[in-house]
Amino acid sequence: KPKILIFIDWFTPSFKAGGPIKSVTNIINSLSDFFDFYVITSDRDLNDSSPHQNIELNSWIKKENYSIIYLSPEVSDNWMSNHLKEVNYDHYYFNSIFSKNFTLKPLHILNKITNKSIIIAPRGMLGKGALALKPLKKRLFLISTKLFGFYNNVKWHATNIEEQKDILKNINQNSHIKIASNISLCQV
């Protein structure tokens, strides 16, 4: 089966980030017969200062439908850089656009070393309301990514037409976008 590496800031047992955790869980549960999923995530929940208890950190853990690694901050950069250079996946799926550790850094590495499929799900982060938070910082970031072509070789996962419009407006009018609504448990 094709291998998909998913990057997400917080994943189960984390719960404070809400919807994105559920969305990725549902993707894995509904498509695990067709793909082998690997998840790279942080070792703690949103806004927590300490890692999850009773979870092995910095080592792959095999679950029923996927494998996961919970990275501690002190090993995250080096481990991820080495892993991306050593292991090939068929697809790379990013569950954020602004995440420094789980989108920007690994995407920077991948842009240099692979021509495999890279997919980004902005999860509403390009919407008008989201861009209104820290607007100057986000505008400067989006301008610089356009200028340097940071997102030129990626495909986008929009969950609806509005998100598609946000990607076209804020990233590139020529962006390659697929619309796929979030998978809910009742669809599985």
C-alpha atoms as a PDB file:
ATOM      1  CA  LYS A   1       0.000   0.000   0.000  1.00  0.00           C
ATOM      2  CA  PRO A   2       1.199   3.566  -0.619  1.00  0.00           C
ATOM      3  CA  LYS A   3       2.687   5.226   2.457  1.00  0.00           C
ATOM      4  CA  ILE A   4       1.375   8.591   3.644  1.00  0.00           C
ATOM      5  CA  LEU A   5       3.251  10.647   6.225  1.00  0.00           C
ATOM      6  CA  ILE A   6       0.973  13.061   8.094  1.00  0.00           C
ATOM      7  CA  PHE A   7       2.276  16.081   9.985  1.00  0.00           C
ATOM      8  CA  ILE A   8      -0.037  17.468  12.668  1.00  0.00           C
ATOM      9  CA  ASP A   9       0.770  19.605  15.712  1.00  0.00           C
ATOM     10  CA  TRP A  10      -1.557  17.720  18.043  1.00  0.00           C
ATOM     11  CA  PHE A  11      -3.012  14.249  17.739  1.00  0.00           C
ATOM     12  CA  THR A  12      -4.836  11.829  19.965  1.00  0.00           C
ATOM     13  CA  PRO A  13      -4.716  11.632  22.981  1.00  0.00           C
ATOM     14  CA  SER A  14      -4.538  15.412  22.526  1.00  0.00           C
ATOM     15  CA  PHE A  15      -8.003  16.903  22.225  1.00  0.00           C
ATOM     16  CA  LYS A  16      -7.778  20.676  22.810  1.00  0.00           C
ATOM     17  CA  ALA A  17      -7.177  21.451  19.106  1.00  0.00           C
ATOM     18  CA  GLY A  18     -10.555  19.865  18.340  1.00  0.00           C
ATOM     19  CA  GLY A  19     -11.626  19.548  14.708  1.00  0.00           C
ATOM     20  CA  PRO A  20      -8.297  18.929  12.959  1.00  0.00           C
ATOM     21  CA  ILE A  21      -7.550  15.969  15.252  1.00  0.00           C
ATOM     22  CA  LYS A  22     -10.952  14.459  14.466  1.00  0.00           C
ATOM     23  CA  SER A  23     -10.559  15.159  10.734  1.00  0.00           C
ATOM     24  CA  VAL A  24      -7.227  13.354  10.511  1.00  0.00           C
ATOM     25  CA  THR A  25      -8.494  10.486  12.674  1.00  0.00           C
ATOM     26  CA  ASN A  26     -11.434  10.039  10.321  1.00  0.00           C
ATOM     27  CA  ILE A  27      -9.177  10.141   7.245  1.00  0.00           C
ATOM     28  CA  ILE A  28      -7.002   7.404   8.723  1.00  0.00           C
ATOM     29  CA  ASN A  29      -9.916   5.258   9.875  1.00  0.00           C
ATOM     30  CA  SER A  30     -11.704   5.463   6.543  1.00  0.00           C
ATOM     31  CA  LEU A  31      -8.700   4.999   4.227  1.00  0.00           C
ATOM     32  CA  SER A  32      -6.402   2.632   6.149  1.00  0.00           C
ATOM     33  CA  ASP A  33      -7.394  -0.310   3.896  1.00  0.00           C
ATOM     34  CA  PHE A  34      -5.839   1.571   0.969  1.00  0.00           C
ATOM     35  CA  PHE A  35      -2.887   3.403   2.535  1.00  0.00           C
ATOM     36  CA  ASP A  36      -0.323   2.909   5.291  1.00  0.00           C
ATOM     37  CA  PHE A  37      -0.432   5.991   7.508  1.00  0.00           C
ATOM     38  CA  TYR A  38       2.408   7.398   9.581  1.00  0.00           C
ATOM     39  CA  VAL A  39       1.794  10.364  11.891  1.00  0.00           C
ATOM     40  CA  ILE A  40       4.383  12.786  13.231  1.00  0.00           C
ATOM     41  CA  THR A  41       3.066  14.944  16.073  1.00  0.00           C
ATOM     42  CA  SER A  42       4.093  16.759  19.242  1.00  0.00           C
ATOM     43  CA  ASP A  43       4.386  15.116  22.617  1.00  0.00           C
ATOM     44  CA  ARG A  44       1.847  17.388  24.325  1.00  0.00           C
ATOM     45  CA  ASP A  45      -1.594  18.917  23.939  1.00  0.00           C
ATOM     46  CA  LEU A  46      -2.313  22.476  22.832  1.00  0.00           C
ATOM     47  CA  ASN A  47      -0.929  25.032  25.342  1.00  0.00           C
ATOM     48  CA  ASP A  48       0.375  22.307  27.683  1.00  0.00           C
ATOM     49  CA  SER A  49       3.882  22.711  29.074  1.00  0.00           C
ATOM     50  CA  SER A  50       4.462  19.032  29.819  1.00  0.00           C
ATOM     51  CA  PRO A  51       4.218  15.946  27.605  1.00  0.00           C
ATOM     52  CA  HIS A  52       1.495  13.317  27.649  1.00  0.00           C
ATOM     53  CA  GLN A  53       1.828  10.793  30.446  1.00  0.00           C
ATOM     54  CA  ASN A  54       2.300   7.076  29.761  1.00  0.00           C
ATOM     55  CA  ILE A  55       3.260   7.518  26.100  1.00  0.00           C
ATOM     56  CA  GLU A  56       6.628   6.526  24.727  1.00  0.00           C
ATOM     57  CA  LEU A  57       8.266   9.572  23.181  1.00  0.00           C
ATOM     58  CA  ASN A  58      10.561   9.866  20.160  1.00  0.00           C
ATOM     59  CA  SER A  59       9.939   6.299  18.943  1.00  0.00           C
ATOM     60  CA  TRP A  60       7.453   4.908  16.460  1.00  0.00           C
ATOM     61  CA  ILE A  61       4.388   3.307  18.043  1.00  0.00           C
ATOM     62  CA  LYS A  62       2.237   0.923  16.011  1.00  0.00           C
ATOM     63  CA  LYS A  63      -1.504   1.457  16.418  1.00  0.00           C
ATOM     64  CA  GLU A  64      -4.381  -0.447  14.802  1.00  0.00           C
ATOM     65  CA  ASN A  65      -4.633   1.700  11.629  1.00  0.00           C
ATOM     66  CA  TYR A  66      -1.419   3.739  11.681  1.00  0.00           C
ATOM     67  CA  SER A  67       2.011   4.288  13.198  1.00  0.00           C
ATOM     68  CA  ILE A  68       2.740   7.415  15.218  1.00  0.00           C
ATOM     69  CA  ILE A  69       5.674   9.195  16.777  1.00  0.00           C
ATOM     70  CA  TYR A  70       5.321  11.823  19.514  1.00  0.00           C
ATOM     71  CA  LEU A  71       8.302  14.144  19.252  1.00  0.00           C
ATOM     72  CA  SER A  72       9.633  16.078  22.207  1.00  0.00           C
ATOM     73  CA  PRO A  73      10.753  19.650  21.425  1.00  0.00           C
ATOM     74  CA  GLU A  74      14.420  18.968  22.151  1.00  0.00           C
ATOM     75  CA  VAL A  75      14.714  16.217  19.498  1.00  0.00           C
ATOM     76  CA  SER A  76      12.093  17.342  16.994  1.00  0.00           C
ATOM     77  CA  ASP A  77      14.246  19.304  14.514  1.00  0.00           C
ATOM     78  CA  ASN A  78      17.163  16.896  14.191  1.00  0.00           C
ATOM     79  CA  TRP A  79      15.042  13.766  14.225  1.00  0.00           C
ATOM     80  CA  MET A  80      12.631  15.077  11.606  1.00  0.00           C
ATOM     81  CA  SER A  81      15.391  16.314   9.315  1.00  0.00           C
ATOM     82  CA  ASN A  82      17.200  12.966   9.444  1.00  0.00           C
ATOM     83  CA  HIS A  83      14.004  10.962   9.024  1.00  0.00           C
ATOM     84  CA  LEU A  84      12.832  12.892   5.963  1.00  0.00           C
ATOM     85  CA  LYS A  85      16.215  12.436   4.310  1.00  0.00           C
ATOM     86  CA  GLU A  86      16.380   8.707   5.100  1.00  0.00           C
ATOM     87  CA  VAL A  87      12.808   7.434   4.575  1.00  0.00           C
ATOM     88  CA  ASN A  88      10.739   7.825   1.415  1.00  0.00           C
ATOM     89  CA  TYR A  89       6.972   8.095   1.548  1.00  0.00           C
ATOM     90  CA  ASP A  90       4.587   8.176  -1.395  1.00  0.00           C
ATOM     91  CA  HIS A  91       2.669  11.200  -0.125  1.00  0.00           C
ATOM     92  CA  TYR A  92       3.210  13.888   2.516  1.00  0.00           C
ATOM     93  CA  TYR A  93       0.149  15.471   4.143  1.00  0.00           C
ATOM     94  CA  PHE A  94       0.388  18.643   6.202  1.00  0.00           C
ATOM     95  CA  ASN A  95      -2.505  19.538   8.455  1.00  0.00           C
ATOM     96  CA  SER A  96      -1.649  23.226   8.812  1.00  0.00           C
ATOM     97  CA  ILE A  97      -0.162  26.110   6.881  1.00  0.00           C
ATOM     98  CA  PHE A  98       1.489  28.229   9.583  1.00  0.00           C
ATOM     99  CA  SER A  99       2.903  25.565  11.923  1.00  0.00           C
ATOM    100  CA  LYS A 100       6.625  26.208  12.320  1.00  0.00           C
ATOM    101  CA  ASN A 101       7.543  22.695  13.478  1.00  0.00           C
ATOM    102  CA  PHE A 102       4.989  20.551  11.675  1.00  0.00           C
ATOM    103  CA  THR A 103       4.668  22.362   8.337  1.00  0.00           C
ATOM    104  CA  LEU A 104       7.278  25.014   7.608  1.00  0.00           C
ATOM    105  CA  LYS A 105      10.448  23.215   8.700  1.00  0.00           C
ATOM    106  CA  PRO A 106       9.624  19.799   7.215  1.00  0.00           C
ATOM    107  CA  LEU A 107       8.201  21.350   4.022  1.00  0.00           C
ATOM    108  CA  HIS A 108      11.422  23.329   3.587  1.00  0.00           C
ATOM    109  CA  ILE A 109      13.389  20.059   3.768  1.00  0.00           C
ATOM    110  CA  LEU A 110      11.006  18.211   1.443  1.00  0.00           C
ATOM    111  CA  ASN A 111      11.103  21.000  -1.146  1.00  0.00           C
ATOM    112  CA  LYS A 112      14.820  20.271  -1.479  1.00  0.00           C
ATOM    113  CA  ILE A 113      14.827  16.468  -1.504  1.00  0.00           C
ATOM    114  CA  THR A 114      11.656  15.043  -3.053  1.00  0.00           C
ATOM    115  CA  ASN A 115       9.334  15.320  -5.997  1.00  0.00           C
ATOM    116  CA  LYS A 116       6.683  13.157  -4.318  1.00  0.00           C
ATOM    117  CA  SER A 117       3.151  14.359  -3.690  1.00  0.00           C
ATOM    118  CA  ILE A 118       2.916  17.064  -1.015  1.00  0.00           C
ATOM    119  CA  ILE A 119      -0.576  18.003   0.154  1.00  0.00           C
ATOM    120  CA  ILE A 120      -1.483  20.827   2.521  1.00  0.00           C
ATOM    121  CA  ALA A 121      -4.822  21.190   4.296  1.00  0.00           C
ATOM    122  CA  PRO A 122      -5.001  24.774   5.602  1.00  0.00           C
ATOM    123  CA  ARG A 123      -7.936  23.907   7.912  1.00  0.00           C
ATOM    124  CA  GLY A 124      -9.457  27.388   7.729  1.00  0.00           C
ATOM    125  CA  MET A 125      -6.195  29.202   8.457  1.00  0.00           C
ATOM    126  CA  LEU A 126      -6.518  31.236   5.254  1.00  0.00           C
ATOM    127  CA  GLY A 127     -10.016  32.434   6.064  1.00  0.00           C
ATOM    128  CA  LYS A 128     -10.731  36.108   6.689  1.00  0.00           C
ATOM    129  CA  GLY A 129     -11.240  35.618  10.442  1.00  0.00           C
ATOM    130  CA  ALA A 130      -8.074  33.566  10.898  1.00  0.00           C
ATOM    131  CA  LEU A 131      -5.974  36.053   8.915  1.00  0.00           C
ATOM    132  CA  ALA A 132      -7.313  38.878  11.119  1.00  0.00           C
ATOM    133  CA  LEU A 133      -5.341  37.417  14.051  1.00  0.00           C
ATOM    134  CA  LYS A 134      -1.753  38.701  13.875  1.00  0.00           C
ATOM    135  CA  PRO A 135      -2.550  40.103  10.414  1.00  0.00           C
ATOM    136  CA  LEU A 136       0.754  41.857   9.676  1.00  0.00           C
ATOM    137  CA  LYS A 137       2.831  38.800  10.518  1.00  0.00           C
ATOM    138  CA  LYS A 138       0.630  36.525   8.409  1.00  0.00           C
ATOM    139  CA  ARG A 139       0.490  38.956   5.450  1.00  0.00           C
ATOM    140  CA  LEU A 140       4.289  39.293   5.417  1.00  0.00           C
ATOM    141  CA  PHE A 141       4.620  35.533   5.621  1.00  0.00           C
ATOM    142  CA  LEU A 142       2.224  34.951   2.701  1.00  0.00           C
ATOM    143  CA  ILE A 143       3.947  37.602   0.578  1.00  0.00           C
ATOM    144  CA  SER A 144       7.366  36.054   1.194  1.00  0.00           C
ATOM    145  CA  THR A 145       6.133  32.524   0.417  1.00  0.00           C
ATOM    146  CA  LYS A 146       4.792  33.789  -2.919  1.00  0.00           C
ATOM    147  CA  LEU A 147       8.002  35.643  -3.646  1.00  0.00           C
ATOM    148  CA  PHE A 148      10.177  32.581  -2.981  1.00  0.00           C
ATOM    149  CA  GLY A 149       7.758  30.003  -4.415  1.00  0.00           C
ATOM    150  CA  PHE A 150       7.576  28.100  -1.135  1.00  0.00           C
ATOM    151  CA  TYR A 151       4.228  26.480  -2.016  1.00  0.00           C
ATOM    152  CA  ASN A 152       4.772  26.142  -5.775  1.00  0.00           C
ATOM    153  CA  ASN A 153       5.004  22.346  -5.824  1.00  0.00           C
ATOM    154  CA  VAL A 154       2.214  21.468  -3.417  1.00  0.00           C
ATOM    155  CA  LYS A 155      -1.365  20.351  -3.851  1.00  0.00           C
ATOM    156  CA  TRP A 156      -4.052  21.758  -1.615  1.00  0.00           C
ATOM    157  CA  HIS A 157      -6.865  19.990   0.208  1.00  0.00           C
ATOM    158  CA  ALA A 158      -9.776  22.394   0.589  1.00  0.00           C
ATOM    159  CA  THR A 159     -12.779  21.178   2.555  1.00  0.00           C
ATOM    160  CA  ASN A 160     -15.232  23.414   0.664  1.00  0.00           C
ATOM    161  CA  ILE A 161     -15.510  26.033  -2.077  1.00  0.00           C
ATOM    162  CA  GLU A 162     -14.904  28.907   0.363  1.00  0.00           C
ATOM    163  CA  GLU A 163     -11.598  27.401   1.420  1.00  0.00           C
ATOM    164  CA  GLN A 164     -10.703  26.910  -2.243  1.00  0.00           C
ATOM    165  CA  LYS A 165     -11.322  30.633  -2.824  1.00  0.00           C
ATOM    166  CA  ASP A 166      -9.148  31.487   0.215  1.00  0.00           C
ATOM    167  CA  ILE A 167      -6.273  29.416  -1.191  1.00  0.00           C
ATOM    168  CA  LEU A 168      -6.578  31.004  -4.636  1.00  0.00           C
ATOM    169  CA  LYS A 169      -6.705  34.496  -3.119  1.00  0.00           C
ATOM    170  CA  ASN A 170      -3.898  34.122  -0.573  1.00  0.00           C
ATOM    171  CA  ILE A 171      -1.497  31.625  -2.128  1.00  0.00           C
ATOM    172  CA  ASN A 172      -1.643  31.527  -5.907  1.00  0.00           C
ATOM    173  CA  GLN A 173      -4.297  31.783  -8.592  1.00  0.00           C
ATOM    174  CA  ASN A 174      -2.742  28.715 -10.240  1.00  0.00           C
ATOM    175  CA  SER A 175      -2.767  26.532  -7.127  1.00  0.00           C
ATOM    176  CA  HIS A 176      -3.632  22.862  -7.653  1.00  0.00           C
ATOM    177  CA  ILE A 177      -6.637  22.344  -5.345  1.00  0.00           C
ATOM    178  CA  LYS A 178      -8.876  19.369  -4.669  1.00  0.00           C
ATOM    179  CA  ILE A 179     -12.064  19.858  -2.690  1.00  0.00           C
ATOM    180  CA  ALA A 180     -12.941  17.040  -0.316  1.00  0.00           C
ATOM    181  CA  SER A 181     -15.229  17.639   2.621  1.00  0.00           C
ATOM    182  CA  ASN A 182     -14.244  16.336   6.009  1.00  0.00           C
ATOM    183  CA  ILE A 183     -15.022  12.670   6.480  1.00  0.00           C
ATOM    184  CA  SER A 184     -17.397  12.113   9.362  1.00  0.00           C
ATOM    185  CA  LEU A 185     -17.805   8.839  11.205  1.00  0.00           C
ATOM    186  CA  CYS A 186     -21.279   8.376   9.720  1.00  0.00           C
ATOM    187  CA  GLN A 187     -19.710   8.395   6.224  1.00  0.00           C
ATOM    188  CA  VAL A 188     -17.298   5.606   7.106  1.00  0.00           C
END
